[in-house]
Amino acid sequence: MPDTLDRTAIENFVVDALVDLGVEREGIVDDAALDELEIDSLDMVELSQSIRKQLGIPVKPKDFDQLYTVGEVLDLCRRKAGLE
């Protein structure tokens, strides 16, 4: 878990995690659709577990069920972290 959990730390972590899942870094923008980035439901489960374990943000895989863009993922993480 980072020493300070802020918007930038969350964004950097999510971007790095998506890159680890095979997404091209240049394609990771707020309005990028997850399905266009070829992120499937199993990837979302893995992402949610990483966020919970590494950042300590209390998210569950089902929280990601109705998210369609990178920006929505970031918004959820910030909200669950108490930053919004």
PDB file of N, CA and C in Angstrom:
ATOM      1  N   MET A   1       0.842  -1.174   0.000  1.00  0.00           N
ATOM      2  CA  MET A   1       0.000   0.000   0.000  1.00  0.00           C
ATOM      3  C   MET A   1       0.890   1.242   0.000  1.00  0.00           C
ATOM      4  N   PRO A   2       0.588   2.222  -0.852  1.00  0.00           N
ATOM      5  CA  PRO A   2       1.391   3.448  -0.864  1.00  0.00           C
ATOM      6  C   PRO A   2       1.280   4.192   0.464  1.00  0.00           C
ATOM      7  N   ASP A   3       2.305   4.979   0.777  1.00  0.00           N
ATOM      8  CA  ASP A   3       2.279   5.745   2.024  1.00  0.00           C
ATOM      9  C   ASP A   3       1.097   6.701   2.050  1.00  0.00           C
ATOM     10  N   THR A   4       0.840   7.364   0.931  1.00  0.00           N
ATOM     11  CA  THR A   4      -0.307   8.262   0.844  1.00  0.00           C
ATOM     12  C   THR A   4      -1.167   7.837  -0.327  1.00  0.00           C
ATOM     13  N   LEU A   5      -2.404   7.581  -0.031  1.00  0.00           N
ATOM     14  CA  LEU A   5      -3.332   7.163  -1.067  1.00  0.00           C
ATOM     15  C   LEU A   5      -4.077   8.395  -1.546  1.00  0.00           C
ATOM     16  N   ASP A   6      -3.742   8.842  -2.734  1.00  0.00           N
ATOM     17  CA  ASP A   6      -4.415   9.990  -3.320  1.00  0.00           C
ATOM     18  C   ASP A   6      -4.835   9.659  -4.738  1.00  0.00           C
ATOM     19  N   ARG A   7      -5.422  10.631  -5.409  1.00  0.00           N
ATOM     20  CA  ARG A   7      -5.919  10.412  -6.773  1.00  0.00           C
ATOM     21  C   ARG A   7      -4.815   9.912  -7.705  1.00  0.00           C
ATOM     22  N   THR A   8      -3.631  10.514  -7.593  1.00  0.00           N
ATOM     23  CA  THR A   8      -2.518  10.153  -8.472  1.00  0.00           C
ATOM     24  C   THR A   8      -2.048   8.730  -8.206  1.00  0.00           C
ATOM     25  N   ALA A   9      -1.950   8.346  -6.935  1.00  0.00           N
ATOM     26  CA  ALA A   9      -1.515   6.992  -6.594  1.00  0.00           C
ATOM     27  C   ALA A   9      -2.494   5.961  -7.141  1.00  0.00           C
ATOM     28  N   ILE A  10      -3.791   6.242  -7.025  1.00  0.00           N
ATOM     29  CA  ILE A  10      -4.809   5.322  -7.537  1.00  0.00           C
ATOM     30  C   ILE A  10      -4.708   5.227  -9.058  1.00  0.00           C
ATOM     31  N   GLU A  11      -4.618   6.382  -9.713  1.00  0.00           N
ATOM     32  CA  GLU A  11      -4.539   6.385 -11.173  1.00  0.00           C
ATOM     33  C   GLU A  11      -3.305   5.626 -11.662  1.00  0.00           C
ATOM     34  N   ASN A  12      -2.167   5.898 -11.057  1.00  0.00           N
ATOM     35  CA  ASN A  12      -0.934   5.213 -11.463  1.00  0.00           C
ATOM     36  C   ASN A  12      -1.047   3.708 -11.271  1.00  0.00           C
ATOM     37  N   PHE A  13      -1.621   3.287 -10.146  1.00  0.00           N
ATOM     38  CA  PHE A  13      -1.757   1.859  -9.878  1.00  0.00           C
ATOM     39  C   PHE A  13      -2.667   1.197 -10.901  1.00  0.00           C
ATOM     40  N   VAL A  14      -3.825   1.811 -11.172  1.00  0.00           N
ATOM     41  CA  VAL A  14      -4.779   1.221 -12.116  1.00  0.00           C
ATOM     42  C   VAL A  14      -4.175   1.154 -13.516  1.00  0.00           C
ATOM     43  N   VAL A  15      -3.504   2.208 -13.931  1.00  0.00           N
ATOM     44  CA  VAL A  15      -2.867   2.209 -15.253  1.00  0.00           C
ATOM     45  C   VAL A  15      -1.821   1.097 -15.330  1.00  0.00           C
ATOM     46  N   ASP A  16      -0.968   0.999 -14.322  1.00  0.00           N
ATOM     47  CA  ASP A  16       0.057  -0.052 -14.312  1.00  0.00           C
ATOM     48  C   ASP A  16      -0.572  -1.445 -14.309  1.00  0.00           C
ATOM     49  N   ALA A  17      -1.651  -1.607 -13.556  1.00  0.00           N
ATOM     50  CA  ALA A  17      -2.329  -2.910 -13.501  1.00  0.00           C
ATOM     51  C   ALA A  17      -2.928  -3.266 -14.858  1.00  0.00           C
ATOM     52  N   LEU A  18      -3.495  -2.282 -15.546  1.00  0.00           N
ATOM     53  CA  LEU A  18      -4.049  -2.538 -16.876  1.00  0.00           C
ATOM     54  C   LEU A  18      -2.946  -2.889 -17.867  1.00  0.00           C
ATOM     55  N   VAL A  19      -1.815  -2.225 -17.755  1.00  0.00           N
ATOM     56  CA  VAL A  19      -0.674  -2.559 -18.614  1.00  0.00           C
ATOM     57  C   VAL A  19      -0.243  -4.001 -18.339  1.00  0.00           C
ATOM     58  N   ASP A  20      -0.210  -4.388 -17.069  1.00  0.00           N
ATOM     59  CA  ASP A  20       0.144  -5.762 -16.712  1.00  0.00           C
ATOM     60  C   ASP A  20      -0.833  -6.777 -17.311  1.00  0.00           C
ATOM     61  N   LEU A  21      -2.078  -6.331 -17.541  1.00  0.00           N
ATOM     62  CA  LEU A  21      -3.089  -7.206 -18.136  1.00  0.00           C
ATOM     63  C   LEU A  21      -3.005  -7.216 -19.667  1.00  0.00           C
ATOM     64  N   GLY A  22      -2.047  -6.448 -20.210  1.00  0.00           N
ATOM     65  CA  GLY A  22      -1.829  -6.483 -21.650  1.00  0.00           C
ATOM     66  C   GLY A  22      -2.326  -5.286 -22.431  1.00  0.00           C
ATOM     67  N   VAL A  23      -2.809  -4.270 -21.746  1.00  0.00           N
ATOM     68  CA  VAL A  23      -3.311  -3.071 -22.424  1.00  0.00           C
ATOM     69  C   VAL A  23      -2.138  -2.150 -22.756  1.00  0.00           C
ATOM     70  N   GLU A  24      -2.177  -1.551 -23.941  1.00  0.00           N
ATOM     71  CA  GLU A  24      -1.161  -0.575 -24.331  1.00  0.00           C
ATOM     72  C   GLU A  24      -1.354   0.690 -23.496  1.00  0.00           C
ATOM     73  N   ARG A  25      -0.293   1.163 -22.877  1.00  0.00           N
ATOM     74  CA  ARG A  25      -0.357   2.327 -21.992  1.00  0.00           C
ATOM     75  C   ARG A  25      -1.001   3.541 -22.677  1.00  0.00           C
ATOM     76  N   GLU A  26      -0.694   3.745 -23.973  1.00  0.00           N
ATOM     77  CA  GLU A  26      -1.215   4.907 -24.690  1.00  0.00           C
ATOM     78  C   GLU A  26      -2.735   4.879 -24.811  1.00  0.00           C
ATOM     79  N   GLY A  27      -3.315   3.695 -24.755  1.00  0.00           N
ATOM     80  CA  GLY A  27      -4.763   3.564 -24.899  1.00  0.00           C
ATOM     81  C   GLY A  27      -5.544   3.763 -23.617  1.00  0.00           C
ATOM     82  N   ILE A  28      -4.834   3.922 -22.510  1.00  0.00           N
ATOM     83  CA  ILE A  28      -5.505   4.020 -21.214  1.00  0.00           C
ATOM     84  C   ILE A  28      -5.804   5.482 -20.904  1.00  0.00           C
ATOM     85  N   VAL A  29      -7.021   5.875 -21.261  1.00  0.00           N
ATOM     86  CA  VAL A  29      -7.531   7.217 -20.984  1.00  0.00           C
ATOM     87  C   VAL A  29      -8.898   7.065 -20.333  1.00  0.00           C
ATOM     88  N   ASP A  30      -9.357   8.121 -19.666  1.00  0.00           N
ATOM     89  CA  ASP A  30     -10.607   8.033 -18.905  1.00  0.00           C
ATOM     90  C   ASP A  30     -11.790   7.505 -19.709  1.00  0.00           C
ATOM     91  N   ASP A  31     -11.924   7.939 -20.955  1.00  0.00           N
ATOM     92  CA  ASP A  31     -13.101   7.533 -21.713  1.00  0.00           C
ATOM     93  C   ASP A  31     -12.892   6.264 -22.542  1.00  0.00           C
ATOM     94  N   ALA A  32     -11.764   5.586 -22.331  1.00  0.00           N
ATOM     95  CA  ALA A  32     -11.515   4.323 -23.046  1.00  0.00           C
ATOM     96  C   ALA A  32     -12.452   3.242 -22.514  1.00  0.00           C
ATOM     97  N   ALA A  33     -13.146   2.586 -23.429  1.00  0.00           N
ATOM     98  CA  ALA A  33     -14.050   1.505 -23.050  1.00  0.00           C
ATOM     99  C   ALA A  33     -13.241   0.259 -22.703  1.00  0.00           C
ATOM    100  N   LEU A  34     -13.598  -0.362 -21.599  1.00  0.00           N
ATOM    101  CA  LEU A  34     -12.869  -1.552 -21.144  1.00  0.00           C
ATOM    102  C   LEU A  34     -12.928  -2.676 -22.170  1.00  0.00           C
ATOM    103  N   ASP A  35     -14.081  -2.860 -22.803  1.00  0.00           N
ATOM    104  CA  ASP A  35     -14.172  -3.938 -23.789  1.00  0.00           C
ATOM    105  C   ASP A  35     -13.309  -3.645 -25.015  1.00  0.00           C
ATOM    106  N   GLU A  36     -13.165  -2.382 -25.379  1.00  0.00           N
ATOM    107  CA  GLU A  36     -12.293  -2.032 -26.499  1.00  0.00           C
ATOM    108  C   GLU A  36     -10.818  -2.248 -26.145  1.00  0.00           C
ATOM    109  N   LEU A  37     -10.510  -2.180 -24.850  1.00  0.00           N
ATOM    110  CA  LEU A  37      -9.149  -2.456 -24.393  1.00  0.00           C
ATOM    111  C   LEU A  37      -8.934  -3.966 -24.195  1.00  0.00           C
ATOM    112  N   GLU A  38      -9.978  -4.737 -24.495  1.00  0.00           N
ATOM    113  CA  GLU A  38      -9.969  -6.194 -24.360  1.00  0.00           C
ATOM    114  C   GLU A  38      -9.808  -6.651 -22.906  1.00  0.00           C
ATOM    115  N   ILE A  39     -10.441  -5.894 -22.015  1.00  0.00           N
ATOM    116  CA  ILE A  39     -10.499  -6.260 -20.600  1.00  0.00           C
ATOM    117  C   ILE A  39     -11.811  -7.003 -20.391  1.00  0.00           C
ATOM    118  N   ASP A  40     -11.717  -8.263 -19.990  1.00  0.00           N
ATOM    119  CA  ASP A  40     -12.927  -9.055 -19.785  1.00  0.00           C
ATOM    120  C   ASP A  40     -13.241  -9.178 -18.293  1.00  0.00           C
ATOM    121  N   SER A  41     -14.275  -9.941 -17.983  1.00  0.00           N
ATOM    122  CA  SER A  41     -14.721 -10.054 -16.594  1.00  0.00           C
ATOM    123  C   SER A  41     -13.665 -10.693 -15.696  1.00  0.00           C
ATOM    124  N   LEU A  42     -12.914 -11.639 -16.224  1.00  0.00           N
ATOM    125  CA  LEU A  42     -11.849 -12.248 -15.407  1.00  0.00           C
ATOM    126  C   LEU A  42     -10.746 -11.238 -15.111  1.00  0.00           C
ATOM    127  N   ASP A  43     -10.427 -10.403 -16.098  1.00  0.00           N
ATOM    128  CA  ASP A  43      -9.444  -9.334 -15.870  1.00  0.00           C
ATOM    129  C   ASP A  43      -9.942  -8.370 -14.803  1.00  0.00           C
ATOM    130  N   MET A  44     -11.238  -8.080 -14.816  1.00  0.00           N
ATOM    131  CA  MET A  44     -11.802  -7.155 -13.827  1.00  0.00           C
ATOM    132  C   MET A  44     -11.732  -7.747 -12.420  1.00  0.00           C
ATOM    133  N   VAL A  45     -11.929  -9.054 -12.307  1.00  0.00           N
ATOM    134  CA  VAL A  45     -11.795  -9.711 -11.003  1.00  0.00           C
ATOM    135  C   VAL A  45     -10.355  -9.571 -10.520  1.00  0.00           C
ATOM    136  N   GLU A  46      -9.408  -9.840 -11.404  1.00  0.00           N
ATOM    137  CA  GLU A  46      -7.997  -9.717 -11.046  1.00  0.00           C
ATOM    138  C   GLU A  46      -7.653  -8.275 -10.662  1.00  0.00           C
ATOM    139  N   LEU A  47      -8.161  -7.315 -11.420  1.00  0.00           N
ATOM    140  CA  LEU A  47      -7.915  -5.909 -11.121  1.00  0.00           C
ATOM    141  C   LEU A  47      -8.487  -5.531  -9.756  1.00  0.00           C
ATOM    142  N   SER A  48      -9.702  -5.955  -9.482  1.00  0.00           N
ATOM    143  CA  SER A  48     -10.324  -5.608  -8.202  1.00  0.00           C
ATOM    144  C   SER A  48      -9.555  -6.214  -7.030  1.00  0.00           C
ATOM    145  N   GLN A  49      -9.079  -7.439  -7.195  1.00  0.00           N
ATOM    146  CA  GLN A  49      -8.309  -8.074  -6.122  1.00  0.00           C
ATOM    147  C   GLN A  49      -6.985  -7.340  -5.901  1.00  0.00           C
ATOM    148  N   SER A  50      -6.354  -6.922  -6.976  1.00  0.00           N
ATOM    149  CA  SER A  50      -5.100  -6.165  -6.850  1.00  0.00           C
ATOM    150  C   SER A  50      -5.319  -4.843  -6.140  1.00  0.00           C
ATOM    151  N   ILE A  51      -6.390  -4.160  -6.501  1.00  0.00           N
ATOM    152  CA  ILE A  51      -6.703  -2.867  -5.874  1.00  0.00           C
ATOM    153  C   ILE A  51      -6.938  -3.063  -4.379  1.00  0.00           C
ATOM    154  N   ARG A  52      -7.699  -4.086  -4.039  1.00  0.00           N
ATOM    155  CA  ARG A  52      -7.992  -4.347  -2.623  1.00  0.00           C
ATOM    156  C   ARG A  52      -6.726  -4.720  -1.851  1.00  0.00           C
ATOM    157  N   LYS A  53      -5.913  -5.611  -2.416  1.00  0.00           N
ATOM    158  CA  LYS A  53      -4.726  -6.083  -1.699  1.00  0.00           C
ATOM    159  C   LYS A  53      -3.609  -5.046  -1.656  1.00  0.00           C
ATOM    160  N   GLN A  54      -3.343  -4.407  -2.775  1.00  0.00           N
ATOM    161  CA  GLN A  54      -2.196  -3.502  -2.855  1.00  0.00           C
ATOM    162  C   GLN A  54      -2.492  -2.094  -2.350  1.00  0.00           C
ATOM    163  N   LEU A  55      -3.708  -1.609  -2.583  1.00  0.00           N
ATOM    164  CA  LEU A  55      -4.046  -0.248  -2.164  1.00  0.00           C
ATOM    165  C   LEU A  55      -4.882  -0.217  -0.891  1.00  0.00           C
ATOM    166  N   GLY A  56      -5.457  -1.343  -0.528  1.00  0.00           N
ATOM    167  CA  GLY A  56      -6.291  -1.390   0.673  1.00  0.00           C
ATOM    168  C   GLY A  56      -7.647  -0.736   0.482  1.00  0.00           C
ATOM    169  N   ILE A  57      -8.078  -0.585  -0.766  1.00  0.00           N
ATOM    170  CA  ILE A  57      -9.387   0.001  -1.050  1.00  0.00           C
ATOM    171  C   ILE A  57     -10.419  -1.128  -1.011  1.00  0.00           C
ATOM    172  N   PRO A  58     -11.485  -0.957  -0.229  1.00  0.00           N
ATOM    173  CA  PRO A  58     -12.450  -2.043  -0.048  1.00  0.00           C
ATOM    174  C   PRO A  58     -13.387  -2.231  -1.241  1.00  0.00           C
ATOM    175  N   VAL A  59     -12.858  -2.786  -2.319  1.00  0.00           N
ATOM    176  CA  VAL A  59     -13.677  -3.075  -3.496  1.00  0.00           C
ATOM    177  C   VAL A  59     -13.868  -4.574  -3.618  1.00  0.00           C
ATOM    178  N   LYS A  60     -14.972  -4.934  -4.262  1.00  0.00           N
ATOM    179  CA  LYS A  60     -15.287  -6.329  -4.524  1.00  0.00           C
ATOM    180  C   LYS A  60     -15.448  -6.488  -6.036  1.00  0.00           C
ATOM    181  N   PRO A  61     -15.231  -7.683  -6.550  1.00  0.00           N
ATOM    182  CA  PRO A  61     -15.409  -7.875  -7.989  1.00  0.00           C
ATOM    183  C   PRO A  61     -16.772  -7.409  -8.496  1.00  0.00           C
ATOM    184  N   LYS A  62     -17.840  -7.624  -7.724  1.00  0.00           N
ATOM    185  CA  LYS A  62     -19.169  -7.222  -8.186  1.00  0.00           C
ATOM    186  C   LYS A  62     -19.301  -5.708  -8.322  1.00  0.00           C
ATOM    187  N   ASP A  63     -18.455  -4.945  -7.617  1.00  0.00           N
ATOM    188  CA  ASP A  63     -18.486  -3.486  -7.756  1.00  0.00           C
ATOM    189  C   ASP A  63     -18.147  -3.047  -9.178  1.00  0.00           C
ATOM    190  N   PHE A  64     -17.449  -3.896  -9.905  1.00  0.00           N
ATOM    191  CA  PHE A  64     -16.973  -3.563 -11.246  1.00  0.00           C
ATOM    192  C   PHE A  64     -17.930  -4.033 -12.348  1.00  0.00           C
ATOM    193  N   ASP A  65     -19.019  -4.726 -11.961  1.00  0.00           N
ATOM    194  CA  ASP A  65     -19.920  -5.324 -12.949  1.00  0.00           C
ATOM    195  C   ASP A  65     -20.514  -4.322 -13.933  1.00  0.00           C
ATOM    196  N   GLN A  66     -20.871  -3.152 -13.487  1.00  0.00           N
ATOM    197  CA  GLN A  66     -21.541  -2.180 -14.349  1.00  0.00           C
ATOM    198  C   GLN A  66     -20.625  -1.037 -14.784  1.00  0.00           C
ATOM    199  N   LEU A  67     -19.322  -1.268 -14.761  1.00  0.00           N
ATOM    200  CA  LEU A  67     -18.369  -0.245 -15.182  1.00  0.00           C
ATOM    201  C   LEU A  67     -17.951  -0.525 -16.616  1.00  0.00           C
ATOM    202  N   TYR A  68     -17.892   0.536 -17.407  1.00  0.00           N
ATOM    203  CA  TYR A  68     -17.616   0.358 -18.829  1.00  0.00           C
ATOM    204  C   TYR A  68     -16.386   1.109 -19.330  1.00  0.00           C
ATOM    205  N   THR A  69     -15.882   2.064 -18.531  1.00  0.00           N
ATOM    206  CA  THR A  69     -14.724   2.842 -18.977  1.00  0.00           C
ATOM    207  C   THR A  69     -13.655   2.882 -17.886  1.00  0.00           C
ATOM    208  N   VAL A  70     -12.458   3.253 -18.293  1.00  0.00           N
ATOM    209  CA  VAL A  70     -11.356   3.421 -17.336  1.00  0.00           C
ATOM    210  C   VAL A  70     -11.723   4.482 -16.303  1.00  0.00           C
ATOM    211  N   GLY A  71     -12.341   5.566 -16.756  1.00  0.00           N
ATOM    212  CA  GLY A  71     -12.745   6.636 -15.847  1.00  0.00           C
ATOM    213  C   GLY A  71     -13.705   6.161 -14.773  1.00  0.00           C
ATOM    214  N   GLU A  72     -14.631   5.278 -15.135  1.00  0.00           N
ATOM    215  CA  GLU A  72     -15.571   4.735 -14.153  1.00  0.00           C
ATOM    216  C   GLU A  72     -14.845   3.881 -13.120  1.00  0.00           C
ATOM    217  N   VAL A  73     -13.843   3.142 -13.544  1.00  0.00           N
ATOM    218  CA  VAL A  73     -13.036   2.347 -12.604  1.00  0.00           C
ATOM    219  C   VAL A  73     -12.319   3.283 -11.634  1.00  0.00           C
ATOM    220  N   LEU A  74     -11.719   4.335 -12.159  1.00  0.00           N
ATOM    221  CA  LEU A  74     -11.011   5.296 -11.305  1.00  0.00           C
ATOM    222  C   LEU A  74     -11.968   5.982 -10.346  1.00  0.00           C
ATOM    223  N   ASP A  75     -13.146   6.383 -10.831  1.00  0.00           N
ATOM    224  CA  ASP A  75     -14.142   7.030  -9.968  1.00  0.00           C
ATOM    225  C   ASP A  75     -14.543   6.101  -8.821  1.00  0.00           C
ATOM    226  N   LEU A  76     -14.793   4.833  -9.136  1.00  0.00           N
ATOM    227  CA  LEU A  76     -15.164   3.861  -8.102  1.00  0.00           C
ATOM    228  C   LEU A  76     -14.064   3.750  -7.048  1.00  0.00           C
ATOM    229  N   CYS A  77     -12.827   3.639  -7.501  1.00  0.00           N
ATOM    230  CA  CYS A  77     -11.706   3.493  -6.567  1.00  0.00           C
ATOM    231  C   CYS A  77     -11.568   4.720  -5.682  1.00  0.00           C
ATOM    232  N   ARG A  78     -11.696   5.893  -6.261  1.00  0.00           N
ATOM    233  CA  ARG A  78     -11.586   7.122  -5.461  1.00  0.00           C
ATOM    234  C   ARG A  78     -12.726   7.217  -4.459  1.00  0.00           C
ATOM    235  N   ARG A  79     -13.918   6.867  -4.894  1.00  0.00           N
ATOM    236  CA  ARG A  79     -15.081   6.924  -4.007  1.00  0.00           C
ATOM    237  C   ARG A  79     -14.922   5.942  -2.851  1.00  0.00           C
ATOM    238  N   LYS A  80     -14.514   4.698  -3.148  1.00  0.00           N
ATOM    239  CA  LYS A  80     -14.350   3.672  -2.113  1.00  0.00           C
ATOM    240  C   LYS A  80     -13.186   4.011  -1.177  1.00  0.00           C
ATOM    241  N   ALA A  81     -12.218   4.795  -1.678  1.00  0.00           N
ATOM    242  CA  ALA A  81     -11.086   5.203  -0.848  1.00  0.00           C
ATOM    243  C   ALA A  81     -11.418   6.448  -0.020  1.00  0.00           C
ATOM    244  N   GLY A  82     -12.619   7.002  -0.230  1.00  0.00           N
ATOM    245  CA  GLY A  82     -13.033   8.190   0.511  1.00  0.00           C
ATOM    246  C   GLY A  82     -12.442   9.477  -0.014  1.00  0.00           C
ATOM    247  N   LEU A  83     -12.049   9.482  -1.273  1.00  0.00           N
ATOM    248  CA  LEU A  83     -11.455  10.678  -1.862  1.00  0.00           C
ATOM    249  C   LEU A  83     -12.452  11.503  -2.636  1.00  0.00           C
ATOM    250  N   GLU A  84     -13.681  11.031  -2.757  1.00  0.00           N
ATOM    251  CA  GLU A  84     -14.743  11.798  -3.451  1.00  0.00           C
ATOM    252  C   GLU A  84     -16.025  11.696  -2.694  1.00  0.00           C
TER     253      GLU A  84
END
